[in-house]
Structures are given as C-alpha cells and as structure tokens.
Amino acid sequence: MKKSNFAVIEELKVMMRQMDRLREGFRIEKEEAIQDSGAEPLEKFRRRAQSYYRMRLAGFSREILRIRRSISSDLPAREEAEDLAEICRRQALELDAHLVSTPSRLLRARREGSSVDDV
C-alpha cells in the first residue's frame, strides 16, 4: 500500500525537528567549549563535530532522500511534499556547513589570540 503524501509531509517535519535538536545540541557544546580556556576543549569539540554531529546529520540526509523517494505523483499534496523535502535537503546542507566551519573558525580565533566570543 502506498504511503500518502500527507504522511510523507509528517515524516519530513519530524526530520526537521530532529535537525533542529541536533543544531541545538551542537550550540550547547560550542558554548561549553568556548567557556574553557585553551585550544584543547575546542579541538575536542571539533573532533566531536566530525565524529558525532556530522555522522548523525549524514543519517538524517539519507533518511530525507528515502522519504523523498516515497512521494507519490498521483496522490494529493505532491507539490507540498516535494517542497518540504527540498527545504529539508537545504537545511541539512546548511547545517553540515555550519558543523564544519564553526569549530575551525573558533580554533583559528583562539590561536590568533582574539576572543572566540567575537567569532
């Protein structure tokens, strides 16, 4: 039995909430790493961004693609489901760029002696 596009939309909304929670967890860990002095907490934060956050996001991205493939062109709400799938894909790409650039930028600022709070 085919899944309705309304069910697909609900699944995509869940994925968006999961990405929001991932972003929030990343923000909290970033704040904790900034509070500590020295480069070691930021190095640890960068490793965690690579090994945990980006891996989780990669799983979300695969799930978004799987969900996107289940959109039915002959059922109602096709355009809405496709639009939301595209929004999810873009949000995942944006979050991935953030997960890569933020730790590196903070480390560079700390090494250059400027305040990481300014970054």
PDB file of N, CA and C in Angstrom:
ATOM      1  N   MET A   1       0.833  -1.187   0.000  1.00  0.00           N
ATOM      2  CA  MET A   1       0.000   0.000   0.000  1.00  0.00           C
ATOM      3  C   MET A   1       0.879   1.252   0.000  1.00  0.00           C
ATOM      4  N   LYS A   2       0.509   2.200  -0.833  1.00  0.00           N
ATOM      5  CA  LYS A   2       1.255   3.449  -0.923  1.00  0.00           C
ATOM      6  C   LYS A   2       1.026   4.300   0.315  1.00  0.00           C
ATOM      7  N   LYS A   3       2.093   4.994   0.697  1.00  0.00           N
ATOM      8  CA  LYS A   3       2.003   5.950   1.792  1.00  0.00           C
ATOM      9  C   LYS A   3       1.466   7.256   1.215  1.00  0.00           C
ATOM     10  N   SER A   4       0.574   7.914   1.945  1.00  0.00           N
ATOM     11  CA  SER A   4       0.037   9.176   1.443  1.00  0.00           C
ATOM     12  C   SER A   4       1.105  10.261   1.525  1.00  0.00           C
ATOM     13  N   ASN A   5       0.956  11.256   0.687  1.00  0.00           N
ATOM     14  CA  ASN A   5       1.886  12.377   0.723  1.00  0.00           C
ATOM     15  C   ASN A   5       1.752  13.170   2.026  1.00  0.00           C
ATOM     16  N   PHE A   6       0.583  13.098   2.642  1.00  0.00           N
ATOM     17  CA  PHE A   6       0.415  13.762   3.939  1.00  0.00           C
ATOM     18  C   PHE A   6       1.276  13.076   4.995  1.00  0.00           C
ATOM     19  N   ALA A   7       1.383  11.745   4.909  1.00  0.00           N
ATOM     20  CA  ALA A   7       2.251  11.001   5.828  1.00  0.00           C
ATOM     21  C   ALA A   7       3.716  11.353   5.561  1.00  0.00           C
ATOM     22  N   VAL A   8       4.064  11.520   4.292  1.00  0.00           N
ATOM     23  CA  VAL A   8       5.427  11.922   3.925  1.00  0.00           C
ATOM     24  C   VAL A   8       5.736  13.294   4.520  1.00  0.00           C
ATOM     25  N   ILE A   9       4.804  14.209   4.420  1.00  0.00           N
ATOM     26  CA  ILE A   9       4.990  15.558   4.969  1.00  0.00           C
ATOM     27  C   ILE A   9       5.228  15.470   6.473  1.00  0.00           C
ATOM     28  N   GLU A  10       4.479  14.646   7.169  1.00  0.00           N
ATOM     29  CA  GLU A  10       4.667  14.494   8.617  1.00  0.00           C
ATOM     30  C   GLU A  10       6.050  13.932   8.934  1.00  0.00           C
ATOM     31  N   GLU A  11       6.497  12.952   8.155  1.00  0.00           N
ATOM     32  CA  GLU A  11       7.837  12.392   8.362  1.00  0.00           C
ATOM     33  C   GLU A  11       8.913  13.454   8.140  1.00  0.00           C
ATOM     34  N   LEU A  12       8.731  14.276   7.123  1.00  0.00           N
ATOM     35  CA  LEU A  12       9.711  15.333   6.847  1.00  0.00           C
ATOM     36  C   LEU A  12       9.728  16.372   7.969  1.00  0.00           C
ATOM     37  N   LYS A  13       8.568  16.657   8.533  1.00  0.00           N
ATOM     38  CA  LYS A  13       8.511  17.589   9.670  1.00  0.00           C
ATOM     39  C   LYS A  13       9.270  17.021  10.868  1.00  0.00           C
ATOM     40  N   VAL A  14       9.156  15.725  11.074  1.00  0.00           N
ATOM     41  CA  VAL A  14       9.911  15.073  12.153  1.00  0.00           C
ATOM     42  C   VAL A  14      11.408  15.218  11.896  1.00  0.00           C
ATOM     43  N   MET A  15      11.818  15.022  10.653  1.00  0.00           N
ATOM     44  CA  MET A  15      13.246  15.157  10.310  1.00  0.00           C
ATOM     45  C   MET A  15      13.725  16.585  10.571  1.00  0.00           C
ATOM     46  N   MET A  16      12.894  17.565  10.265  1.00  0.00           N
ATOM     47  CA  MET A  16      13.277  18.961  10.518  1.00  0.00           C
ATOM     48  C   MET A  16      13.459  19.203  12.017  1.00  0.00           C
ATOM     49  N   ARG A  17      12.568  18.648  12.818  1.00  0.00           N
ATOM     50  CA  ARG A  17      12.693  18.809  14.278  1.00  0.00           C
ATOM     51  C   ARG A  17      13.957  18.116  14.788  1.00  0.00           C
ATOM     52  N   GLN A  18      14.273  16.956  14.240  1.00  0.00           N
ATOM     53  CA  GLN A  18      15.486  16.256  14.656  1.00  0.00           C
ATOM     54  C   GLN A  18      16.732  17.062  14.291  1.00  0.00           C
ATOM     55  N   MET A  19      16.733  17.674  13.122  1.00  0.00           N
ATOM     56  CA  MET A  19      17.879  18.514  12.744  1.00  0.00           C
ATOM     57  C   MET A  19      17.968  19.739  13.640  1.00  0.00           C
ATOM     58  N   ASP A  20      16.824  20.303  14.022  1.00  0.00           N
ATOM     59  CA  ASP A  20      16.828  21.437  14.947  1.00  0.00           C
ATOM     60  C   ASP A  20      17.418  21.036  16.294  1.00  0.00           C
ATOM     61  N   ARG A  21      17.066  19.853  16.774  1.00  0.00           N
ATOM     62  CA  ARG A  21      17.620  19.380  18.047  1.00  0.00           C
ATOM     63  C   ARG A  21      19.119  19.137  17.933  1.00  0.00           C
ATOM     64  N   LEU A  22      19.559  18.606  16.795  1.00  0.00           N
ATOM     65  CA  LEU A  22      20.988  18.396  16.570  1.00  0.00           C
ATOM     66  C   LEU A  22      21.730  19.732  16.585  1.00  0.00           C
ATOM     67  N   ARG A  23      21.162  20.719  15.922  1.00  0.00           N
ATOM     68  CA  ARG A  23      21.768  22.057  15.899  1.00  0.00           C
ATOM     69  C   ARG A  23      21.847  22.642  17.315  1.00  0.00           C
ATOM     70  N   GLU A  24      20.808  22.448  18.095  1.00  0.00           N
ATOM     71  CA  GLU A  24      20.786  22.973  19.461  1.00  0.00           C
ATOM     72  C   GLU A  24      21.830  22.272  20.336  1.00  0.00           C
ATOM     73  N   GLY A  25      21.954  20.963  20.206  1.00  0.00           N
ATOM     74  CA  GLY A  25      22.983  20.237  20.946  1.00  0.00           C
ATOM     75  C   GLY A  25      24.371  20.718  20.577  1.00  0.00           C
ATOM     76  N   PHE A  26      24.584  20.973  19.300  1.00  0.00           N
ATOM     77  CA  PHE A  26      25.864  21.496  18.819  1.00  0.00           C
ATOM     78  C   PHE A  26      26.128  22.869  19.423  1.00  0.00           C
ATOM     79  N   ARG A  27      25.116  23.712  19.469  1.00  0.00           N
ATOM     80  CA  ARG A  27      25.276  25.052  20.036  1.00  0.00           C
ATOM     81  C   ARG A  27      25.648  24.985  21.511  1.00  0.00           C
ATOM     82  N   ILE A  28      25.012  24.100  22.240  1.00  0.00           N
ATOM     83  CA  ILE A  28      25.307  23.968  23.664  1.00  0.00           C
ATOM     84  C   ILE A  28      26.745  23.498  23.869  1.00  0.00           C
ATOM     85  N   GLU A  29      27.178  22.500  23.101  1.00  0.00           N
ATOM     86  CA  GLU A  29      28.563  22.029  23.225  1.00  0.00           C
ATOM     87  C   GLU A  29      29.551  23.113  22.822  1.00  0.00           C
ATOM     88  N   LYS A  30      29.197  23.908  21.830  1.00  0.00           N
ATOM     89  CA  LYS A  30      30.069  25.016  21.420  1.00  0.00           C
ATOM     90  C   LYS A  30      30.238  25.996  22.562  1.00  0.00           C
ATOM     91  N   GLU A  31      29.149  26.362  23.198  1.00  0.00           N
ATOM     92  CA  GLU A  31      29.214  27.305  24.315  1.00  0.00           C
ATOM     93  C   GLU A  31      30.077  26.762  25.446  1.00  0.00           C
ATOM     94  N   GLU A  32      29.963  25.471  25.728  1.00  0.00           N
ATOM     95  CA  GLU A  32      30.778  24.862  26.772  1.00  0.00           C
ATOM     96  C   GLU A  32      32.254  24.892  26.394  1.00  0.00           C
ATOM     97  N   ALA A  33      32.569  24.604  25.139  1.00  0.00           N
ATOM     98  CA  ALA A  33      33.970  24.612  24.692  1.00  0.00           C
ATOM     99  C   ALA A  33      34.553  26.016  24.735  1.00  0.00           C
ATOM    100  N   ILE A  34      33.741  27.010  24.443  1.00  0.00           N
ATOM    101  CA  ILE A  34      34.205  28.399  24.471  1.00  0.00           C
ATOM    102  C   ILE A  34      34.516  28.828  25.898  1.00  0.00           C
ATOM    103  N   GLN A  35      33.741  28.347  26.866  1.00  0.00           N
ATOM    104  CA  GLN A  35      33.936  28.740  28.263  1.00  0.00           C
ATOM    105  C   GLN A  35      35.295  28.298  28.791  1.00  0.00           C
ATOM    106  N   ASP A  36      35.777  27.145  28.341  1.00  0.00           N
ATOM    107  CA  ASP A  36      37.076  26.651  28.782  1.00  0.00           C
ATOM    108  C   ASP A  36      38.183  27.424  28.079  1.00  0.00           C
ATOM    109  N   SER A  37      39.297  27.592  28.774  1.00  0.00           N
ATOM    110  CA  SER A  37      40.420  28.304  28.150  1.00  0.00           C
ATOM    111  C   SER A  37      41.333  27.294  27.453  1.00  0.00           C
ATOM    112  N   GLY A  38      42.084  27.775  26.509  1.00  0.00           N
ATOM    113  CA  GLY A  38      42.997  26.924  25.765  1.00  0.00           C
ATOM    114  C   GLY A  38      42.344  26.330  24.537  1.00  0.00           C
ATOM    115  N   ALA A  39      43.204  25.699  23.732  1.00  0.00           N
ATOM    116  CA  ALA A  39      42.735  25.139  22.465  1.00  0.00           C
ATOM    117  C   ALA A  39      42.206  23.714  22.617  1.00  0.00           C
ATOM    118  N   GLU A  40      42.583  23.005  23.677  1.00  0.00           N
ATOM    119  CA  GLU A  40      42.190  21.602  23.821  1.00  0.00           C
ATOM    120  C   GLU A  40      40.668  21.393  23.827  1.00  0.00           C
ATOM    121  N   PRO A  41      39.883  22.174  24.576  1.00  0.00           N
ATOM    122  CA  PRO A  41      38.427  21.979  24.519  1.00  0.00           C
ATOM    123  C   PRO A  41      37.852  22.207  23.115  1.00  0.00           C
ATOM    124  N   LEU A  42      38.426  23.152  22.393  1.00  0.00           N
ATOM    125  CA  LEU A  42      37.949  23.406  21.030  1.00  0.00           C
ATOM    126  C   LEU A  42      38.373  22.293  20.075  1.00  0.00           C
ATOM    127  N   GLU A  43      39.558  21.726  20.299  1.00  0.00           N
ATOM    128  CA  GLU A  43      39.989  20.577  19.487  1.00  0.00           C
ATOM    129  C   GLU A  43      39.046  19.400  19.713  1.00  0.00           C
ATOM    130  N   LYS A  44      38.712  19.169  20.978  1.00  0.00           N
ATOM    131  CA  LYS A  44      37.782  18.091  21.317  1.00  0.00           C
ATOM    132  C   LYS A  44      36.409  18.358  20.682  1.00  0.00           C
ATOM    133  N   PHE A  45      35.974  19.601  20.725  1.00  0.00           N
ATOM    134  CA  PHE A  45      34.708  19.995  20.113  1.00  0.00           C
ATOM    135  C   PHE A  45      34.733  19.739  18.602  1.00  0.00           C
ATOM    136  N   ARG A  46      35.839  20.067  17.960  1.00  0.00           N
ATOM    137  CA  ARG A  46      35.947  19.836  16.514  1.00  0.00           C
ATOM    138  C   ARG A  46      35.892  18.344  16.187  1.00  0.00           C
ATOM    139  N   ARG A  47      36.587  17.526  16.979  1.00  0.00           N
ATOM    140  CA  ARG A  47      36.538  16.074  16.750  1.00  0.00           C
ATOM    141  C   ARG A  47      35.117  15.548  16.937  1.00  0.00           C
ATOM    142  N   ARG A  48      34.431  16.052  17.950  1.00  0.00           N
ATOM    143  CA  ARG A  48      33.043  15.610  18.207  1.00  0.00           C
ATOM    144  C   ARG A  48      32.119  16.066  17.073  1.00  0.00           C
ATOM    145  N   ALA A  49      32.368  17.253  16.542  1.00  0.00           N
ATOM    146  CA  ALA A  49      31.561  17.732  15.410  1.00  0.00           C
ATOM    147  C   ALA A  49      31.701  16.770  14.230  1.00  0.00           C
ATOM    148  N   GLN A  50      32.926  16.274  14.012  1.00  0.00           N
ATOM    149  CA  GLN A  50      33.164  15.350  12.902  1.00  0.00           C
ATOM    150  C   GLN A  50      32.606  13.956  13.187  1.00  0.00           C
ATOM    151  N   SER A  51      32.890  13.438  14.369  1.00  0.00           N
ATOM    152  CA  SER A  51      32.573  12.042  14.653  1.00  0.00           C
ATOM    153  C   SER A  51      31.134  11.812  15.098  1.00  0.00           C
ATOM    154  N   TYR A  52      30.505  12.808  15.663  1.00  0.00           N
ATOM    155  CA  TYR A  52      29.136  12.614  16.142  1.00  0.00           C
ATOM    156  C   TYR A  52      28.136  13.409  15.315  1.00  0.00           C
ATOM    157  N   TYR A  53      28.274  14.723  15.325  1.00  0.00           N
ATOM    158  CA  TYR A  53      27.249  15.574  14.706  1.00  0.00           C
ATOM    159  C   TYR A  53      27.149  15.367  13.202  1.00  0.00           C
ATOM    160  N   ARG A  54      28.276  15.315  12.514  1.00  0.00           N
ATOM    161  CA  ARG A  54      28.204  15.150  11.057  1.00  0.00           C
ATOM    162  C   ARG A  54      27.736  13.749  10.684  1.00  0.00           C
ATOM    163  N   MET A  55      28.086  12.751  11.491  1.00  0.00           N
ATOM    164  CA  MET A  55      27.611  11.395  11.213  1.00  0.00           C
ATOM    165  C   MET A  55      26.102  11.293  11.419  1.00  0.00           C
ATOM    166  N   ARG A  56      25.593  11.898  12.467  1.00  0.00           N
ATOM    167  CA  ARG A  56      24.140  11.918  12.692  1.00  0.00           C
ATOM    168  C   ARG A  56      23.437  12.629  11.539  1.00  0.00           C
ATOM    169  N   LEU A  57      24.000  13.754  11.125  1.00  0.00           N
ATOM    170  CA  LEU A  57      23.399  14.514  10.029  1.00  0.00           C
ATOM    171  C   LEU A  57      23.416  13.714   8.731  1.00  0.00           C
ATOM    172  N   ALA A  58      24.477  12.950   8.499  1.00  0.00           N
ATOM    173  CA  ALA A  58      24.537  12.114   7.295  1.00  0.00           C
ATOM    174  C   ALA A  58      23.398  11.091   7.313  1.00  0.00           C
ATOM    175  N   GLY A  59      23.113  10.544   8.477  1.00  0.00           N
ATOM    176  CA  GLY A  59      21.982   9.621   8.600  1.00  0.00           C
ATOM    177  C   GLY A  59      20.662  10.315   8.313  1.00  0.00           C
ATOM    178  N   PHE A  60      20.505  11.527   8.822  1.00  0.00           N
ATOM    179  CA  PHE A  60      19.293  12.298   8.546  1.00  0.00           C
ATOM    180  C   PHE A  60      19.155  12.563   7.053  1.00  0.00           C
ATOM    181  N   SER A  61      20.263  12.912   6.408  1.00  0.00           N
ATOM    182  CA  SER A  61      20.225  13.200   4.967  1.00  0.00           C
ATOM    183  C   SER A  61      19.802  11.976   4.177  1.00  0.00           C
ATOM    184  N   ARG A  62      20.322  10.810   4.551  1.00  0.00           N
ATOM    185  CA  ARG A  62      19.898   9.574   3.868  1.00  0.00           C
ATOM    186  C   ARG A  62      18.405   9.317   4.077  1.00  0.00           C
ATOM    187  N   GLU A  63      17.943   9.565   5.299  1.00  0.00           N
ATOM    188  CA  GLU A  63      16.521   9.356   5.605  1.00  0.00           C
ATOM    189  C   GLU A  63      15.645  10.330   4.800  1.00  0.00           C
ATOM    190  N   ILE A  64      16.092  11.559   4.668  1.00  0.00           N
ATOM    191  CA  ILE A  64      15.338  12.541   3.871  1.00  0.00           C
ATOM    192  C   ILE A  64      15.229  12.069   2.425  1.00  0.00           C
ATOM    193  N   LEU A  65      16.331  11.560   1.872  1.00  0.00           N
ATOM    194  CA  LEU A  65      16.281  11.048   0.494  1.00  0.00           C
ATOM    195  C   LEU A  65      15.326   9.864   0.377  1.00  0.00           C
ATOM    196  N   ARG A  66      15.347   8.968   1.364  1.00  0.00           N
ATOM    197  CA  ARG A  66      14.440   7.818   1.349  1.00  0.00           C
ATOM    198  C   ARG A  66      12.988   8.287   1.394  1.00  0.00           C
ATOM    199  N   ILE A  67      12.720   9.228   2.267  1.00  0.00           N
ATOM    200  CA  ILE A  67      11.358   9.758   2.383  1.00  0.00           C
ATOM    201  C   ILE A  67      10.948  10.447   1.084  1.00  0.00           C
ATOM    202  N   ARG A  68      11.882  11.200   0.523  1.00  0.00           N
ATOM    203  CA  ARG A  68      11.575  11.927  -0.725  1.00  0.00           C
ATOM    204  C   ARG A  68      11.181  10.967  -1.841  1.00  0.00           C
ATOM    205  N   ARG A  69      11.831   9.814  -1.879  1.00  0.00           N
ATOM    206  CA  ARG A  69      11.507   8.837  -2.936  1.00  0.00           C
ATOM    207  C   ARG A  69      10.116   8.234  -2.766  1.00  0.00           C
ATOM    208  N   SER A  70       9.535   8.376  -1.577  1.00  0.00           N
ATOM    209  CA  SER A  70       8.210   7.796  -1.364  1.00  0.00           C
ATOM    210  C   SER A  70       7.082   8.769  -1.691  1.00  0.00           C
ATOM    211  N   ILE A  71       7.411   9.945  -2.203  1.00  0.00           N
ATOM    212  CA  ILE A  71       6.374  10.895  -2.616  1.00  0.00           C
ATOM    213  C   ILE A  71       5.673  10.337  -3.856  1.00  0.00           C
ATOM    214  N   SER A  72       4.364  10.304  -3.806  1.00  0.00           N
ATOM    215  CA  SER A  72       3.562   9.762  -4.917  1.00  0.00           C
ATOM    216  C   SER A  72       3.057  10.899  -5.803  1.00  0.00           C
ATOM    217  N   SER A  73       3.350  10.797  -7.079  1.00  0.00           N
ATOM    218  CA  SER A  73       2.931  11.854  -8.005  1.00  0.00           C
ATOM    219  C   SER A  73       1.432  11.808  -8.295  1.00  0.00           C
ATOM    220  N   ASP A  74       0.786  10.681  -8.014  1.00  0.00           N
ATOM    221  CA  ASP A  74      -0.642  10.564  -8.322  1.00  0.00           C
ATOM    222  C   ASP A  74      -1.543  10.759  -7.094  1.00  0.00           C
ATOM    223  N   LEU A  75      -0.960  11.237  -5.986  1.00  0.00           N
ATOM    224  CA  LEU A  75      -1.755  11.490  -4.781  1.00  0.00           C
ATOM    225  C   LEU A  75      -1.741  12.977  -4.441  1.00  0.00           C
ATOM    226  N   PRO A  76      -2.738  13.437  -3.683  1.00  0.00           N
ATOM    227  CA  PRO A  76      -2.778  14.863  -3.298  1.00  0.00           C
ATOM    228  C   PRO A  76      -1.561  15.257  -2.467  1.00  0.00           C
ATOM    229  N   ALA A  77      -1.265  16.547  -2.502  1.00  0.00           N
ATOM    230  CA  ALA A  77      -0.193  17.182  -1.713  1.00  0.00           C
ATOM    231  C   ALA A  77       1.204  16.837  -2.223  1.00  0.00           C
ATOM    232  N   ARG A  78       1.322  16.465  -3.493  1.00  0.00           N
ATOM    233  CA  ARG A  78       2.624  16.134  -4.066  1.00  0.00           C
ATOM    234  C   ARG A  78       3.562  17.329  -4.013  1.00  0.00           C
ATOM    235  N   GLU A  79       3.083  18.505  -4.460  1.00  0.00           N
ATOM    236  CA  GLU A  79       3.944  19.690  -4.501  1.00  0.00           C
ATOM    237  C   GLU A  79       4.408  20.093  -3.109  1.00  0.00           C
ATOM    238  N   GLU A  80       3.495  20.033  -2.153  1.00  0.00           N
ATOM    239  CA  GLU A  80       3.857  20.402  -0.786  1.00  0.00           C
ATOM    240  C   GLU A  80       4.922  19.460  -0.237  1.00  0.00           C
ATOM    241  N   ALA A  81       4.758  18.170  -0.500  1.00  0.00           N
ATOM    242  CA  ALA A  81       5.733  17.187  -0.030  1.00  0.00           C
ATOM    243  C   ALA A  81       7.088  17.411  -0.700  1.00  0.00           C
ATOM    244  N   GLU A  82       7.087  17.663  -2.005  1.00  0.00           N
ATOM    245  CA  GLU A  82       8.347  17.903  -2.716  1.00  0.00           C
ATOM    246  C   GLU A  82       9.026  19.180  -2.224  1.00  0.00           C
ATOM    247  N   ASP A  83       8.235  20.224  -2.000  1.00  0.00           N
ATOM    248  CA  ASP A  83       8.797  21.480  -1.490  1.00  0.00           C
ATOM    249  C   ASP A  83       9.420  21.286  -0.108  1.00  0.00           C
ATOM    250  N   LEU A  84       8.732  20.576   0.759  1.00  0.00           N
ATOM    251  CA  LEU A  84       9.250  20.353   2.105  1.00  0.00           C
ATOM    252  C   LEU A  84      10.496  19.471   2.067  1.00  0.00           C
ATOM    253  N   ALA A  85      10.530  18.491   1.180  1.00  0.00           N
ATOM    254  CA  ALA A  85      11.718  17.651   1.028  1.00  0.00           C
ATOM    255  C   ALA A  85      12.910  18.497   0.588  1.00  0.00           C
ATOM    256  N   GLU A  86      12.677  19.434  -0.308  1.00  0.00           N
ATOM    257  CA  GLU A  86      13.757  20.321  -0.755  1.00  0.00           C
ATOM    258  C   GLU A  86      14.217  21.237   0.376  1.00  0.00           C
ATOM    259  N   ILE A  87      13.289  21.731   1.165  1.00  0.00           N
ATOM    260  CA  ILE A  87      13.646  22.570   2.319  1.00  0.00           C
ATOM    261  C   ILE A  87      14.496  21.752   3.299  1.00  0.00           C
ATOM    262  N   CYS A  88      14.110  20.522   3.545  1.00  0.00           N
ATOM    263  CA  CYS A  88      14.882  19.653   4.444  1.00  0.00           C
ATOM    264  C   CYS A  88      16.288  19.418   3.897  1.00  0.00           C
ATOM    265  N   ARG A  89      16.379  19.169   2.602  1.00  0.00           N
ATOM    266  CA  ARG A  89      17.688  18.933   1.982  1.00  0.00           C
ATOM    267  C   ARG A  89      18.579  20.150   2.136  1.00  0.00           C
ATOM    268  N   ARG A  90      18.032  21.335   1.876  1.00  0.00           N
ATOM    269  CA  ARG A  90      18.811  22.574   2.015  1.00  0.00           C
ATOM    270  C   ARG A  90      19.213  22.818   3.466  1.00  0.00           C
ATOM    271  N   GLN A  91      18.284  22.554   4.387  1.00  0.00           N
ATOM    272  CA  GLN A  91      18.582  22.735   5.805  1.00  0.00           C
ATOM    273  C   GLN A  91      19.726  21.806   6.224  1.00  0.00           C
ATOM    274  N   ALA A  92      19.730  20.581   5.715  1.00  0.00           N
ATOM    275  CA  ALA A  92      20.801  19.640   6.038  1.00  0.00           C
ATOM    276  C   ALA A  92      22.136  20.124   5.481  1.00  0.00           C
ATOM    277  N   LEU A  93      22.139  20.645   4.266  1.00  0.00           N
ATOM    278  CA  LEU A  93      23.376  21.173   3.680  1.00  0.00           C
ATOM    279  C   LEU A  93      23.896  22.373   4.468  1.00  0.00           C
ATOM    280  N   GLU A  94      22.998  23.254   4.855  1.00  0.00           N
ATOM    281  CA  GLU A  94      23.382  24.425   5.641  1.00  0.00           C
ATOM    282  C   GLU A  94      23.941  24.014   7.003  1.00  0.00           C
ATOM    283  N   LEU A  95      23.297  23.065   7.641  1.00  0.00           N
ATOM    284  CA  LEU A  95      23.759  22.598   8.940  1.00  0.00           C
ATOM    285  C   LEU A  95      25.112  21.919   8.816  1.00  0.00           C
ATOM    286  N   ASP A  96      25.321  21.145   7.760  1.00  0.00           N
ATOM    287  CA  ASP A  96      26.611  20.496   7.556  1.00  0.00           C
ATOM    288  C   ASP A  96      27.725  21.536   7.416  1.00  0.00           C
ATOM    289  N   ALA A  97      27.484  22.577   6.656  1.00  0.00           N
ATOM    290  CA  ALA A  97      28.485  23.638   6.507  1.00  0.00           C
ATOM    291  C   ALA A  97      28.775  24.285   7.858  1.00  0.00           C
ATOM    292  N   HIS A  98      27.749  24.480   8.659  1.00  0.00           N
ATOM    293  CA  HIS A  98      27.906  25.074   9.990  1.00  0.00           C
ATOM    294  C   HIS A  98      28.733  24.153  10.892  1.00  0.00           C
ATOM    295  N   LEU A  99      28.472  22.843  10.820  1.00  0.00           N
ATOM    296  CA  LEU A  99      29.191  21.881  11.647  1.00  0.00           C
ATOM    297  C   LEU A  99      30.672  21.819  11.297  1.00  0.00           C
ATOM    298  N   VAL A 100      31.001  22.093  10.057  1.00  0.00           N
ATOM    299  CA  VAL A 100      32.395  22.071   9.623  1.00  0.00           C
ATOM    300  C   VAL A 100      33.093  23.387   9.952  1.00  0.00           C
ATOM    301  N   SER A 101      32.448  24.494   9.655  1.00  0.00           N
ATOM    302  CA  SER A 101      33.135  25.788   9.743  1.00  0.00           C
ATOM    303  C   SER A 101      33.255  26.328  11.160  1.00  0.00           C
ATOM    304  N   THR A 102      32.271  26.114  11.996  1.00  0.00           N
ATOM    305  CA  THR A 102      32.281  26.719  13.332  1.00  0.00           C
ATOM    306  C   THR A 102      33.462  26.283  14.181  1.00  0.00           C
ATOM    307  N   PRO A 103      33.728  24.984  14.357  1.00  0.00           N
ATOM    308  CA  PRO A 103      34.876  24.608  15.192  1.00  0.00           C
ATOM    309  C   PRO A 103      36.201  25.131  14.650  1.00  0.00           C
ATOM    310  N   SER A 104      36.366  25.081  13.339  1.00  0.00           N
ATOM    311  CA  SER A 104      37.615  25.569  12.742  1.00  0.00           C
ATOM    312  C   SER A 104      37.776  27.067  12.945  1.00  0.00           C
ATOM    313  N   ARG A 105      36.697  27.807  12.779  1.00  0.00           N
ATOM    314  CA  ARG A 105      36.748  29.257  12.968  1.00  0.00           C
ATOM    315  C   ARG A 105      37.068  29.592  14.423  1.00  0.00           C
ATOM    316  N   LEU A 106      36.475  28.888  15.354  1.00  0.00           N
ATOM    317  CA  LEU A 106      36.742  29.141  16.770  1.00  0.00           C
ATOM    318  C   LEU A 106      38.179  28.814  17.131  1.00  0.00           C
ATOM    319  N   LEU A 107      38.699  27.707  16.610  1.00  0.00           N
ATOM    320  CA  LEU A 107      40.095  27.350  16.870  1.00  0.00           C
ATOM    321  C   LEU A 107      41.050  28.388  16.293  1.00  0.00           C
ATOM    322  N   ARG A 108      40.781  28.819  15.102  1.00  0.00           N
ATOM    323  CA  ARG A 108      41.634  29.821  14.465  1.00  0.00           C
ATOM    324  C   ARG A 108      41.625  31.110  15.280  1.00  0.00           C
ATOM    325  N   ALA A 109      40.474  31.517  15.747  1.00  0.00           N
ATOM    326  CA  ALA A 109      40.378  32.739  16.550  1.00  0.00           C
ATOM    327  C   ALA A 109      41.128  32.583  17.869  1.00  0.00           C
ATOM    328  N   ARG A 110      41.014  31.435  18.493  1.00  0.00           N
ATOM    329  CA  ARG A 110      41.702  31.219  19.769  1.00  0.00           C
ATOM    330  C   ARG A 110      43.207  31.232  19.560  1.00  0.00           C
ATOM    331  N   ARG A 111      43.678  30.616  18.484  1.00  0.00           N
ATOM    332  CA  ARG A 111      45.130  30.570  18.197  1.00  0.00           C
ATOM    333  C   ARG A 111      45.673  31.951  17.861  1.00  0.00           C
ATOM    334  N   GLU A 112      44.862  32.756  17.211  1.00  0.00           N
ATOM    335  CA  GLU A 112      45.306  34.106  16.854  1.00  0.00           C
ATOM    336  C   GLU A 112      45.217  35.060  18.030  1.00  0.00           C
ATOM    337  N   GLY A 113      44.653  34.570  19.119  1.00  0.00           N
ATOM    338  CA  GLY A 113      44.613  35.385  20.325  1.00  0.00           C
ATOM    339  C   GLY A 113      43.408  36.273  20.461  1.00  0.00           C
ATOM    340  N   SER A 114      42.507  36.243  19.498  1.00  0.00           N
ATOM    341  CA  SER A 114      41.309  37.070  19.645  1.00  0.00           C
ATOM    342  C   SER A 114      40.292  36.304  20.470  1.00  0.00           C
ATOM    343  N   SER A 115      39.329  36.993  20.947  1.00  0.00           N
ATOM    344  CA  SER A 115      38.294  36.392  21.766  1.00  0.00           C
ATOM    345  C   SER A 115      37.377  35.562  20.885  1.00  0.00           C
ATOM    346  N   VAL A 116      37.152  34.290  21.279  1.00  0.00           N
ATOM    347  CA  VAL A 116      36.251  33.450  20.493  1.00  0.00           C
ATOM    348  C   VAL A 116      34.814  33.905  20.646  1.00  0.00           C
ATOM    349  N   ASP A 117      34.537  34.732  21.642  1.00  0.00           N
ATOM    350  CA  ASP A 117      33.186  35.273  21.780  1.00  0.00           C
ATOM    351  C   ASP A 117      32.863  36.221  20.640  1.00  0.00           C
ATOM    352  N   ASP A 118      33.896  36.792  20.010  1.00  0.00           N
ATOM    353  CA  ASP A 118      33.683  37.730  18.905  1.00  0.00           C
ATOM    354  C   ASP A 118      33.395  37.005  17.613  1.00  0.00           C
ATOM    355  N   VAL A 119      33.655  35.695  17.562  1.00  0.00           N
ATOM    356  CA  VAL A 119      33.513  34.934  16.319  1.00  0.00           C
ATOM    357  C   VAL A 119      32.102  34.443  16.163  1.00  0.00           C
TER     358      VAL A 119
END
